[in-house]
């Protein structure tokens, strides 16, 4: 008797993913697609408009008058016939400039109160121009050179000495009173110069940190308070404390906001009498002069420059580099 045929063995079923695994895979795939789309959009935006703010950031503010930052090769009393020079507001001082960087947009310009009670003006540079300004400021900080802050085409509104490198997005011009700082902010943003507004002087640029000035920003003893800079400041105007070590740099800058900038030091001068500046007291060395609250002194602007040794040869005597 024949045995009944056995049924063929059942084909093993392929393992199937659980419902949870399926859901996780689908969600992951969707996230990958979304992220790829966002990154692609950001890449296109950055290519087409490198200054465009990402994810709702504040857009750069275009300046009505561009600001030019340039190293000062020489400065002397006006007039300067035949020289291609920039002049201060009062047209009493000529500045011969080297190649610099022109900034047409900023993130913000604002006055900032420093720890010693003086004020600085913080200039947060737009991303498009930041790298060039950083490069310029860092080069100048090594030798503590003077930089001109110029309203295009040729009006110098500040001439600080760069004492810090710039490691953020901003620089500060330091050594002002509150009123002077607010007036300078208005000027940089396009307002006409006000009567009695301080001239170029030589305030410092400082490098503020997040929400406040950086260490070593201002040094009130570096300059003689109440000092006036002939050819730059109105004879009655005062030039408060100075700043040691950007920021631009310079400074800085320059700070109730995130990034920072380089530092500069104002040149100290004494009061004027009858339209003429009274020289400071003479000391045996720059160290003694600075300890007494005088200096620094700029070649061609302060007669005290000839009294002291300009150790680093940058045209400014009794600055921090000359005290080392």
C-alpha atoms as a PDB file:
ATOM      1  CA  UNK A   1       0.000   0.000   0.000  1.00  0.00           C
ATOM      2  CA  UNK A   2       1.439   3.298  -1.078  1.00  0.00           C
ATOM      3  CA  UNK A   3       2.240   5.849   1.588  1.00  0.00           C
ATOM      4  CA  UNK A   4       0.359   9.108   1.325  1.00  0.00           C
ATOM      5  CA  UNK A   5       2.400  11.916  -0.167  1.00  0.00           C
ATOM      6  CA  UNK A   6       3.810  14.292   2.377  1.00  0.00           C
ATOM      7  CA  UNK A   7       3.106  17.967   1.753  1.00  0.00           C
ATOM      8  CA  UNK A   8       6.130  19.977   0.605  1.00  0.00           C
ATOM      9  CA  UNK A   9       7.937  21.767   3.441  1.00  0.00           C
ATOM     10  CA  UNK A  10       6.657  25.254   4.078  1.00  0.00           C
ATOM     11  CA  UNK A  11       8.822  28.071   2.743  1.00  0.00           C
ATOM     12  CA  UNK A  12      10.092  30.091   5.734  1.00  0.00           C
ATOM     13  CA  UNK A  13       8.564  33.527   5.834  1.00  0.00           C
ATOM     14  CA  UNK A  14      10.915  36.513   5.538  1.00  0.00           C
ATOM     15  CA  UNK A  15      11.257  38.438   8.797  1.00  0.00           C
ATOM     16  CA  UNK A  16       9.073  41.525   8.877  1.00  0.00           C
ATOM     17  CA  UNK A  17       9.920  44.763  10.663  1.00  0.00           C
ATOM     18  CA  UNK A  18       7.790  45.688  13.590  1.00  0.00           C
ATOM     19  CA  UNK A  19       5.413  48.637  13.332  1.00  0.00           C
ATOM     20  CA  UNK A  20       7.650  50.725  15.632  1.00  0.00           C
ATOM     21  CA  UNK A  21      10.704  50.115  13.476  1.00  0.00           C
ATOM     22  CA  UNK A  22       8.768  51.091  10.365  1.00  0.00           C
ATOM     23  CA  UNK A  23       7.611  54.356  11.941  1.00  0.00           C
ATOM     24  CA  UNK A  24      11.151  55.230  13.072  1.00  0.00           C
ATOM     25  CA  UNK A  25      12.539  54.603   9.594  1.00  0.00           C
ATOM     26  CA  UNK A  26       9.868  56.751   7.940  1.00  0.00           C
ATOM     27  CA  UNK A  27      10.408  59.643  10.379  1.00  0.00           C
ATOM     28  CA  UNK A  28      14.186  59.448   9.904  1.00  0.00           C
ATOM     29  CA  UNK A  29      13.792  59.558   6.135  1.00  0.00           C
ATOM     30  CA  UNK A  30      11.534  62.613   6.363  1.00  0.00           C
ATOM     31  CA  UNK A  31      14.031  64.386   8.639  1.00  0.00           C
ATOM     32  CA  UNK A  32      16.893  63.674   6.247  1.00  0.00           C
ATOM     33  CA  UNK A  33      14.913  65.141   3.350  1.00  0.00           C
ATOM     34  CA  UNK A  34      13.932  68.245   5.361  1.00  0.00           C
ATOM     35  CA  UNK A  35      17.479  68.880   6.618  1.00  0.00           C
ATOM     36  CA  UNK A  36      18.907  68.464   3.127  1.00  0.00           C
ATOM     37  CA  UNK A  37      16.388  70.993   1.837  1.00  0.00           C
ATOM     38  CA  UNK A  38      17.224  73.519   4.571  1.00  0.00           C
ATOM     39  CA  UNK A  39      20.968  73.184   4.015  1.00  0.00           C
ATOM     40  CA  UNK A  40      20.483  73.572   0.286  1.00  0.00           C
ATOM     41  CA  UNK A  41      18.430  76.727   0.822  1.00  0.00           C
ATOM     42  CA  UNK A  42      21.042  78.190   3.190  1.00  0.00           C
ATOM     43  CA  UNK A  43      23.816  77.438   0.707  1.00  0.00           C
ATOM     44  CA  UNK A  44      21.913  79.203  -2.071  1.00  0.00           C
ATOM     45  CA  UNK A  45      21.203  82.223   0.153  1.00  0.00           C
ATOM     46  CA  UNK A  46      24.835  82.487   1.240  1.00  0.00           C
ATOM     47  CA  UNK A  47      25.990  82.278  -2.363  1.00  0.00           C
ATOM     48  CA  UNK A  48      23.555  84.845  -3.686  1.00  0.00           C
ATOM     49  CA  UNK A  49      23.695  87.221  -0.706  1.00  0.00           C
ATOM     50  CA  UNK A  50      26.502  86.609   1.791  1.00  0.00           C
ATOM     51  CA  UNK A  51      25.225  89.434   4.013  1.00  0.00           C
ATOM     52  CA  UNK A  52      21.685  88.062   4.257  1.00  0.00           C
ATOM     53  CA  UNK A  53      20.766  87.209   7.870  1.00  0.00           C
ATOM     54  CA  UNK A  54      20.072  83.553   8.572  1.00  0.00           C
ATOM     55  CA  UNK A  55      17.124  82.240  10.554  1.00  0.00           C
ATOM     56  CA  UNK A  56      15.639  85.629  11.357  1.00  0.00           C
ATOM     57  CA  UNK A  57      18.842  87.522  12.253  1.00  0.00           C
ATOM     58  CA  UNK A  58      18.925  91.292  11.927  1.00  0.00           C
ATOM     59  CA  UNK A  59      20.034  92.380   8.437  1.00  0.00           C
ATOM     60  CA  UNK A  60      23.061  94.669   8.075  1.00  0.00           C
ATOM     61  CA  UNK A  61      22.283  98.386   8.064  1.00  0.00           C
ATOM     62  CA  UNK A  62      23.521 100.176   4.964  1.00  0.00           C
ATOM     63  CA  UNK A  63      25.316 103.395   5.854  1.00  0.00           C
ATOM     64  CA  UNK A  64      24.246 106.643   4.166  1.00  0.00           C
ATOM     65  CA  UNK A  65      27.933 107.600   4.079  1.00  0.00           C
ATOM     66  CA  UNK A  66      30.512 104.782   3.940  1.00  0.00           C
ATOM     67  CA  UNK A  67      33.204 104.649   6.629  1.00  0.00           C
ATOM     68  CA  UNK A  68      36.823 104.242   5.530  1.00  0.00           C
ATOM     69  CA  UNK A  69      39.478 102.842   7.874  1.00  0.00           C
ATOM     70  CA  UNK A  70      43.061 103.614   6.826  1.00  0.00           C
ATOM     71  CA  UNK A  71      46.524 103.748   8.432  1.00  0.00           C
ATOM     72  CA  UNK A  72      47.837 107.286   8.920  1.00  0.00           C
ATOM     73  CA  UNK A  73      51.182 107.803   7.229  1.00  0.00           C
ATOM     74  CA  UNK A  74      51.564 111.405   8.370  1.00  0.00           C
ATOM     75  CA  UNK A  75      49.537 114.195   9.916  1.00  0.00           C
ATOM     76  CA  UNK A  76      50.318 117.895   9.987  1.00  0.00           C
ATOM     77  CA  UNK A  77      48.582 121.237  10.439  1.00  0.00           C
ATOM     78  CA  UNK A  78      46.461 122.451   7.519  1.00  0.00           C
ATOM     79  CA  UNK A  79      46.608 123.780   4.887  1.00  0.00           C
ATOM     80  CA  UNK A  80      48.524 121.175   2.911  1.00  0.00           C
ATOM     81  CA  UNK A  81      48.773 122.504  -0.660  1.00  0.00           C
ATOM     82  CA  UNK A  82      49.506 119.848  -3.247  1.00  0.00           C
ATOM     83  CA  UNK A  83      48.964 116.978  -0.813  1.00  0.00           C
ATOM     84  CA  UNK A  84      46.205 114.446  -1.352  1.00  0.00           C
ATOM     85  CA  UNK A  85      45.106 114.521   2.258  1.00  0.00           C
ATOM     86  CA  UNK A  86      41.974 113.995   4.314  1.00  0.00           C
ATOM     87  CA  UNK A  87      40.970 116.781   6.710  1.00  0.00           C
ATOM     88  CA  UNK A  88      39.251 116.800  10.067  1.00  0.00           C
ATOM     89  CA  UNK A  89      35.846 118.483  10.513  1.00  0.00           C
ATOM     90  CA  UNK A  90      37.397 121.837  11.409  1.00  0.00           C
ATOM     91  CA  UNK A  91      39.865 121.540   8.511  1.00  0.00           C
ATOM     92  CA  UNK A  92      42.803 122.312  10.781  1.00  0.00           C
ATOM     93  CA  UNK A  93      44.687 119.011  10.417  1.00  0.00           C
ATOM     94  CA  UNK A  94      45.765 117.130   7.281  1.00  0.00           C
ATOM     95  CA  UNK A  95      46.005 113.328   7.310  1.00  0.00           C
ATOM     96  CA  UNK A  96      48.035 111.538   4.650  1.00  0.00           C
ATOM     97  CA  UNK A  97      46.609 108.033   4.457  1.00  0.00           C
ATOM     98  CA  UNK A  98      47.713 104.630   3.216  1.00  0.00           C
ATOM     99  CA  UNK A  99      45.424 102.076   1.568  1.00  0.00           C
ATOM    100  CA  UNK A 100      42.561 101.028   3.813  1.00  0.00           C
ATOM    101  CA  UNK A 101      39.153  99.352   3.910  1.00  0.00           C
ATOM    102  CA  UNK A 102      35.805 100.979   3.112  1.00  0.00           C
ATOM    103  CA  UNK A 103      32.767  99.705   5.024  1.00  0.00           C
ATOM    104  CA  UNK A 104      29.335 100.348   3.515  1.00  0.00           C
ATOM    105  CA  UNK A 105      27.164  98.406   5.979  1.00  0.00           C
ATOM    106  CA  UNK A 106      27.202  97.622   9.697  1.00  0.00           C
ATOM    107  CA  UNK A 107      25.262  95.417  12.064  1.00  0.00           C
ATOM    108  CA  UNK A 108      25.079  98.154  14.679  1.00  0.00           C
ATOM    109  CA  UNK A 109      26.681 101.380  15.904  1.00  0.00           C
ATOM    110  CA  UNK A 110      26.077 102.273  19.550  1.00  0.00           C
ATOM    111  CA  UNK A 111      27.564 104.100  22.550  1.00  0.00           C
ATOM    112  CA  UNK A 112      28.838 101.865  25.356  1.00  0.00           C
ATOM    113  CA  UNK A 113      29.636 102.864  28.934  1.00  0.00           C
ATOM    114  CA  UNK A 114      33.024 101.574  30.085  1.00  0.00           C
ATOM    115  CA  UNK A 115      33.950 100.478  33.606  1.00  0.00           C
ATOM    116  CA  UNK A 116      35.827 103.702  34.346  1.00  0.00           C
ATOM    117  CA  UNK A 117      32.795 105.863  33.513  1.00  0.00           C
ATOM    118  CA  UNK A 118      33.950 106.991  30.068  1.00  0.00           C
ATOM    119  CA  UNK A 119      32.129 105.989  26.892  1.00  0.00           C
ATOM    120  CA  UNK A 120      33.180 104.268  23.694  1.00  0.00           C
ATOM    121  CA  UNK A 121      31.489 103.927  20.322  1.00  0.00           C
ATOM    122  CA  UNK A 122      31.048 100.324  19.209  1.00  0.00           C
ATOM    123  CA  UNK A 123      30.937  99.632  15.480  1.00  0.00           C
ATOM    124  CA  UNK A 124      29.801  96.085  14.617  1.00  0.00           C
ATOM    125  CA  UNK A 125      30.993  95.421  11.066  1.00  0.00           C
ATOM    126  CA  UNK A 126      28.744  93.667   8.526  1.00  0.00           C
ATOM    127  CA  UNK A 127      29.978  90.160   7.575  1.00  0.00           C
ATOM    128  CA  UNK A 128      30.876  91.227   4.040  1.00  0.00           C
ATOM    129  CA  UNK A 129      33.589  93.611   5.303  1.00  0.00           C
ATOM    130  CA  UNK A 130      34.622  91.996   8.588  1.00  0.00           C
ATOM    131  CA  UNK A 131      37.537  89.871   7.352  1.00  0.00           C
ATOM    132  CA  UNK A 132      39.239  92.808   5.629  1.00  0.00           C
ATOM    133  CA  UNK A 133      38.821  95.056   8.674  1.00  0.00           C
ATOM    134  CA  UNK A 134      40.158  92.320  10.982  1.00  0.00           C
ATOM    135  CA  UNK A 135      43.207  91.878   8.751  1.00  0.00           C
ATOM    136  CA  UNK A 136      43.877  95.634   8.722  1.00  0.00           C
ATOM    137  CA  UNK A 137      43.450  96.028  12.489  1.00  0.00           C
ATOM    138  CA  UNK A 138      45.609  93.019  13.322  1.00  0.00           C
ATOM    139  CA  UNK A 139      48.452  94.331  11.160  1.00  0.00           C
ATOM    140  CA  UNK A 140      48.297  97.758  12.817  1.00  0.00           C
ATOM    141  CA  UNK A 141      48.015  96.432  16.376  1.00  0.00           C
ATOM    142  CA  UNK A 142      51.456  94.834  16.135  1.00  0.00           C
ATOM    143  CA  UNK A 143      53.102  98.275  15.909  1.00  0.00           C
ATOM    144  CA  UNK A 144      50.353 100.339  17.596  1.00  0.00           C
ATOM    145  CA  UNK A 145      49.870 102.633  14.628  1.00  0.00           C
ATOM    146  CA  UNK A 146      47.305 105.369  14.236  1.00  0.00           C
ATOM    147  CA  UNK A 147      44.231 104.656  12.134  1.00  0.00           C
ATOM    148  CA  UNK A 148      41.946 107.235  10.568  1.00  0.00           C
ATOM    149  CA  UNK A 149      38.181 106.789  10.756  1.00  0.00           C
ATOM    150  CA  UNK A 150      37.031 108.634   7.655  1.00  0.00           C
ATOM    151  CA  UNK A 151      33.588 109.558   6.409  1.00  0.00           C
ATOM    152  CA  UNK A 152      33.846 109.142   2.655  1.00  0.00           C
ATOM    153  CA  UNK A 153      35.194 110.914   0.752  1.00  0.00           C
ATOM    154  CA  UNK A 154      37.708 112.723   3.021  1.00  0.00           C
ATOM    155  CA  UNK A 155      36.471 113.783   6.460  1.00  0.00           C
ATOM    156  CA  UNK A 156      38.432 112.332   9.381  1.00  0.00           C
ATOM    157  CA  UNK A 157      36.223 112.060  12.470  1.00  0.00           C
ATOM    158  CA  UNK A 158      38.611 110.071  14.697  1.00  0.00           C
ATOM    159  CA  UNK A 159      42.278 109.115  14.650  1.00  0.00           C
ATOM    160  CA  UNK A 160      42.896 106.527  17.382  1.00  0.00           C
ATOM    161  CA  UNK A 161      45.966 104.391  17.968  1.00  0.00           C
ATOM    162  CA  UNK A 162      45.358 100.672  17.473  1.00  0.00           C
ATOM    163  CA  UNK A 163      46.457  98.739  20.561  1.00  0.00           C
ATOM    164  CA  UNK A 164      44.540  95.444  20.254  1.00  0.00           C
ATOM    165  CA  UNK A 165      43.878  92.845  17.628  1.00  0.00           C
ATOM    166  CA  UNK A 166      40.280  92.309  16.553  1.00  0.00           C
ATOM    167  CA  UNK A 167      38.892  88.876  17.417  1.00  0.00           C
ATOM    168  CA  UNK A 168      35.170  89.585  17.081  1.00  0.00           C
ATOM    169  CA  UNK A 169      32.799  91.350  14.721  1.00  0.00           C
ATOM    170  CA  UNK A 170      33.225  94.839  16.174  1.00  0.00           C
ATOM    171  CA  UNK A 171      35.651  97.537  17.167  1.00  0.00           C
ATOM    172  CA  UNK A 172      35.292 100.436  19.585  1.00  0.00           C
ATOM    173  CA  UNK A 173      36.534 104.010  19.591  1.00  0.00           C
ATOM    174  CA  UNK A 174      37.039 104.860  23.259  1.00  0.00           C
ATOM    175  CA  UNK A 175      37.729 107.830  25.509  1.00  0.00           C
ATOM    176  CA  UNK A 176      34.565 109.956  25.166  1.00  0.00           C
ATOM    177  CA  UNK A 177      31.960 111.473  27.423  1.00  0.00           C
ATOM    178  CA  UNK A 178      28.420 110.208  26.987  1.00  0.00           C
ATOM    179  CA  UNK A 179      27.417 113.264  24.943  1.00  0.00           C
ATOM    180  CA  UNK A 180      30.475 112.975  22.703  1.00  0.00           C
ATOM    181  CA  UNK A 181      29.881 109.269  22.114  1.00  0.00           C
ATOM    182  CA  UNK A 182      26.219 109.826  21.231  1.00  0.00           C
ATOM    183  CA  UNK A 183      27.206 112.643  18.865  1.00  0.00           C
ATOM    184  CA  UNK A 184      29.754 110.404  17.131  1.00  0.00           C
ATOM    185  CA  UNK A 185      27.192 107.601  16.772  1.00  0.00           C
ATOM    186  CA  UNK A 186      24.762 110.034  15.153  1.00  0.00           C
ATOM    187  CA  UNK A 187      27.505 111.253  12.837  1.00  0.00           C
ATOM    188  CA  UNK A 188      28.465 107.751  11.724  1.00  0.00           C
ATOM    189  CA  UNK A 189      24.807 106.992  11.049  1.00  0.00           C
ATOM    190  CA  UNK A 190      24.471 110.009   8.784  1.00  0.00           C
ATOM    191  CA  UNK A 191      23.524 113.006  10.933  1.00  0.00           C
ATOM    192  CA  UNK A 192      25.343 116.305  10.244  1.00  0.00           C
ATOM    193  CA  UNK A 193      27.985 117.378  12.784  1.00  0.00           C
ATOM    194  CA  UNK A 194      26.507 119.197  15.768  1.00  0.00           C
ATOM    195  CA  UNK A 195      27.853 122.472  17.127  1.00  0.00           C
ATOM    196  CA  UNK A 196      30.534 121.797  19.690  1.00  0.00           C
ATOM    197  CA  UNK A 197      30.922 118.180  18.627  1.00  0.00           C
ATOM    198  CA  UNK A 198      34.438 116.865  19.333  1.00  0.00           C
ATOM    199  CA  UNK A 199      36.773 116.671  16.400  1.00  0.00           C
ATOM    200  CA  UNK A 200      39.030 113.823  15.446  1.00  0.00           C
ATOM    201  CA  UNK A 201      41.193 113.847  18.525  1.00  0.00           C
ATOM    202  CA  UNK A 202      42.833 110.525  19.202  1.00  0.00           C
ATOM    203  CA  UNK A 203      40.432 108.393  21.174  1.00  0.00           C
ATOM    204  CA  UNK A 204      41.149 104.737  21.617  1.00  0.00           C
ATOM    205  CA  UNK A 205      39.525 101.708  20.155  1.00  0.00           C
ATOM    206  CA  UNK A 206      38.661  98.949  22.484  1.00  0.00           C
ATOM    207  CA  UNK A 207      37.647  95.370  22.187  1.00  0.00           C
ATOM    208  CA  UNK A 208      34.493  94.711  24.206  1.00  0.00           C
ATOM    209  CA  UNK A 209      33.356  91.285  25.165  1.00  0.00           C
ATOM    210  CA  UNK A 210      29.864  89.878  25.157  1.00  0.00           C
ATOM    211  CA  UNK A 211      27.755  92.566  26.725  1.00  0.00           C
ATOM    212  CA  UNK A 212      30.674  94.517  28.171  1.00  0.00           C
ATOM    213  CA  UNK A 213      34.132  95.872  27.378  1.00  0.00           C
ATOM    214  CA  UNK A 214      37.018  93.461  27.319  1.00  0.00           C
ATOM    215  CA  UNK A 215      39.793  93.439  29.887  1.00  0.00           C
ATOM    216  CA  UNK A 216      42.342  96.161  29.377  1.00  0.00           C
ATOM    217  CA  UNK A 217      39.927  98.236  27.388  1.00  0.00           C
ATOM    218  CA  UNK A 218      40.318 101.637  28.957  1.00  0.00           C
ATOM    219  CA  UNK A 219      43.150 103.146  30.909  1.00  0.00           C
ATOM    220  CA  UNK A 220      42.086 106.469  32.359  1.00  0.00           C
ATOM    221  CA  UNK A 221      45.597 107.369  33.352  1.00  0.00           C
ATOM    222  CA  UNK A 222      46.958 107.232  29.833  1.00  0.00           C
ATOM    223  CA  UNK A 223      45.653 110.616  28.836  1.00  0.00           C
ATOM    224  CA  UNK A 224      45.252 113.888  30.597  1.00  0.00           C
ATOM    225  CA  UNK A 225      41.510 114.315  31.271  1.00  0.00           C
ATOM    226  CA  UNK A 226      40.147 117.493  29.903  1.00  0.00           C
ATOM    227  CA  UNK A 227      42.833 117.535  27.295  1.00  0.00           C
ATOM    228  CA  UNK A 228      42.190 119.134  23.979  1.00  0.00           C
ATOM    229  CA  UNK A 229      43.610 118.063  20.656  1.00  0.00           C
ATOM    230  CA  UNK A 230      44.448 121.068  18.516  1.00  0.00           C
ATOM    231  CA  UNK A 231      43.445 120.716  14.944  1.00  0.00           C
ATOM    232  CA  UNK A 232      40.942 118.097  15.892  1.00  0.00           C
ATOM    233  CA  UNK A 233      38.852 119.111  18.843  1.00  0.00           C
ATOM    234  CA  UNK A 234      37.107 122.328  19.601  1.00  0.00           C
ATOM    235  CA  UNK A 235      39.289 124.293  22.065  1.00  0.00           C
ATOM    236  CA  UNK A 236      36.629 123.990  24.740  1.00  0.00           C
ATOM    237  CA  UNK A 237      35.959 120.326  24.179  1.00  0.00           C
ATOM    238  CA  UNK A 238      37.492 117.772  26.478  1.00  0.00           C
ATOM    239  CA  UNK A 239      39.042 114.460  25.676  1.00  0.00           C
ATOM    240  CA  UNK A 240      38.456 112.103  28.615  1.00  0.00           C
ATOM    241  CA  UNK A 241      40.515 109.105  29.554  1.00  0.00           C
ATOM    242  CA  UNK A 242      42.307 106.841  27.216  1.00  0.00           C
ATOM    243  CA  UNK A 243      42.539 103.230  26.540  1.00  0.00           C
ATOM    244  CA  UNK A 244      45.382 100.832  26.643  1.00  0.00           C
ATOM    245  CA  UNK A 245      44.781  97.577  25.369  1.00  0.00           C
ATOM    246  CA  UNK A 246      41.671  95.702  19.305  1.00  0.00           C
ATOM    247  CA  UNK A 247      39.762  97.517  18.977  1.00  0.00           C
ATOM    248  CA  UNK A 248      39.820  98.114  14.636  1.00  0.00           C
ATOM    249  CA  UNK A 249      41.463  97.843  15.287  1.00  0.00           C
ATOM    250  CA  UNK A 250      41.456  99.133  16.812  1.00  0.00           C
ATOM    251  CA  UNK A 251      39.391  97.926  19.492  1.00  0.00           C
ATOM    252  CA  UNK A 252      37.354  96.500  19.642  1.00  0.00           C
ATOM    253  CA  UNK A 253      35.146  98.848  19.974  1.00  0.00           C
ATOM    254  CA  UNK A 254      33.376  98.643  20.947  1.00  0.00           C
ATOM    255  CA  UNK A 255      29.414  96.935  24.271  1.00  0.00           C
ATOM    256  CA  UNK A 256      26.195  95.482  25.112  1.00  0.00           C
ATOM    257  CA  UNK A 257      26.276  92.970  22.354  1.00  0.00           C
ATOM    258  CA  UNK A 258      27.838  89.708  21.424  1.00  0.00           C
ATOM    259  CA  UNK A 259      30.985  90.295  19.500  1.00  0.00           C
ATOM    260  CA  UNK A 260      34.006  92.416  19.997  1.00  0.00           C
ATOM    261  CA  UNK A 261      36.596  94.584  18.373  1.00  0.00           C
ATOM    262  CA  UNK A 262      40.078  96.187  18.814  1.00  0.00           C
ATOM    263  CA  UNK A 263      41.457  99.030  20.896  1.00  0.00           C
ATOM    264  CA  UNK A 264      43.221 102.327  20.366  1.00  0.00           C
ATOM    265  CA  UNK A 265      44.702 104.941  22.585  1.00  0.00           C
ATOM    266  CA  UNK A 266      43.940 108.646  22.435  1.00  0.00           C
ATOM    267  CA  UNK A 267      46.781 111.087  22.253  1.00  0.00           C
ATOM    268  CA  UNK A 268      46.966 113.204  25.372  1.00  0.00           C
ATOM    269  CA  UNK A 269      47.207 116.972  25.164  1.00  0.00           C
ATOM    270  CA  UNK A 270      46.879 119.859  27.520  1.00  0.00           C
ATOM    271  CA  UNK A 271      44.406 122.723  27.538  1.00  0.00           C
ATOM    272  CA  UNK A 272      44.603 125.609  25.117  1.00  0.00           C
ATOM    273  CA  UNK A 273      45.162 129.245  25.935  1.00  0.00           C
ATOM    274  CA  UNK A 274      44.079 131.920  23.507  1.00  0.00           C
ATOM    275  CA  UNK A 275      43.666 129.356  20.739  1.00  0.00           C
ATOM    276  CA  UNK A 276      47.150 127.972  21.388  1.00  0.00           C
ATOM    277  CA  UNK A 277      47.886 124.717  23.171  1.00  0.00           C
ATOM    278  CA  UNK A 278      49.900 124.797  26.395  1.00  0.00           C
ATOM    279  CA  UNK A 279      52.574 122.064  26.401  1.00  0.00           C
ATOM    280  CA  UNK A 280      52.517 119.452  29.138  1.00  0.00           C
ATOM    281  CA  UNK A 281      55.137 119.373  31.879  1.00  0.00           C
ATOM    282  CA  UNK A 282      58.394 117.766  30.766  1.00  0.00           C
ATOM    283  CA  UNK A 283      59.524 114.562  32.463  1.00  0.00           C
ATOM    284  CA  UNK A 284      62.730 112.566  32.399  1.00  0.00           C
ATOM    285  CA  UNK A 285      61.062 109.653  30.612  1.00  0.00           C
ATOM    286  CA  UNK A 286      57.808 108.471  29.059  1.00  0.00           C
ATOM    287  CA  UNK A 287      57.263 106.220  32.053  1.00  0.00           C
ATOM    288  CA  UNK A 288      57.163 109.218  34.393  1.00  0.00           C
ATOM    289  CA  UNK A 289      54.977 111.238  31.994  1.00  0.00           C
ATOM    290  CA  UNK A 290      52.382 108.465  31.656  1.00  0.00           C
ATOM    291  CA  UNK A 291      52.426 107.827  35.416  1.00  0.00           C
ATOM    292  CA  UNK A 292      51.522 111.498  35.893  1.00  0.00           C
ATOM    293  CA  UNK A 293      48.610 111.177  33.457  1.00  0.00           C
ATOM    294  CA  UNK A 294      50.204 112.677  30.335  1.00  0.00           C
ATOM    295  CA  UNK A 295      50.799 111.376  26.813  1.00  0.00           C
ATOM    296  CA  UNK A 296      50.875 109.768  24.342  1.00  0.00           C
ATOM    297  CA  UNK A 297      52.207 112.347  21.876  1.00  0.00           C
ATOM    298  CA  UNK A 298      51.941 112.249  18.086  1.00  0.00           C
ATOM    299  CA  UNK A 299      54.666 113.376  15.709  1.00  0.00           C
ATOM    300  CA  UNK A 300      53.730 116.591  13.889  1.00  0.00           C
ATOM    301  CA  UNK A 301      50.868 117.310  16.288  1.00  0.00           C
ATOM    302  CA  UNK A 302      52.354 117.502  19.793  1.00  0.00           C
ATOM    303  CA  UNK A 303      55.633 119.306  20.453  1.00  0.00           C
ATOM    304  CA  UNK A 304      56.217 116.967  23.395  1.00  0.00           C
ATOM    305  CA  UNK A 305      56.906 114.190  20.869  1.00  0.00           C
ATOM    306  CA  UNK A 306      60.448 115.570  20.438  1.00  0.00           C
ATOM    307  CA  UNK A 307      61.121 115.292  24.175  1.00  0.00           C
ATOM    308  CA  UNK A 308      60.848 111.512  24.356  1.00  0.00           C
ATOM    309  CA  UNK A 309      62.109 108.428  22.535  1.00  0.00           C
ATOM    310  CA  UNK A 310      59.637 106.802  20.131  1.00  0.00           C
ATOM    311  CA  UNK A 311      60.869 103.268  20.829  1.00  0.00           C
ATOM    312  CA  UNK A 312      58.749 101.484  18.218  1.00  0.00           C
ATOM    313  CA  UNK A 313      59.048 104.280  15.644  1.00  0.00           C
ATOM    314  CA  UNK A 314      55.302 104.419  14.961  1.00  0.00           C
ATOM    315  CA  UNK A 315      55.039 108.206  15.176  1.00  0.00           C
ATOM    316  CA  UNK A 316      53.517 108.137  18.666  1.00  0.00           C
ATOM    317  CA  UNK A 317      55.729 108.655  21.727  1.00  0.00           C
ATOM    318  CA  UNK A 318      54.834 107.483  25.241  1.00  0.00           C
ATOM    319  CA  UNK A 319      52.294 104.896  24.129  1.00  0.00           C
ATOM    320  CA  UNK A 320      52.244 101.468  25.764  1.00  0.00           C
ATOM    321  CA  UNK A 321      54.881 100.055  23.391  1.00  0.00           C
ATOM    322  CA  UNK A 322      57.359 102.747  24.494  1.00  0.00           C
ATOM    323  CA  UNK A 323      57.024 101.722  28.153  1.00  0.00           C
ATOM    324  CA  UNK A 324      58.160  98.117  27.754  1.00  0.00           C
END
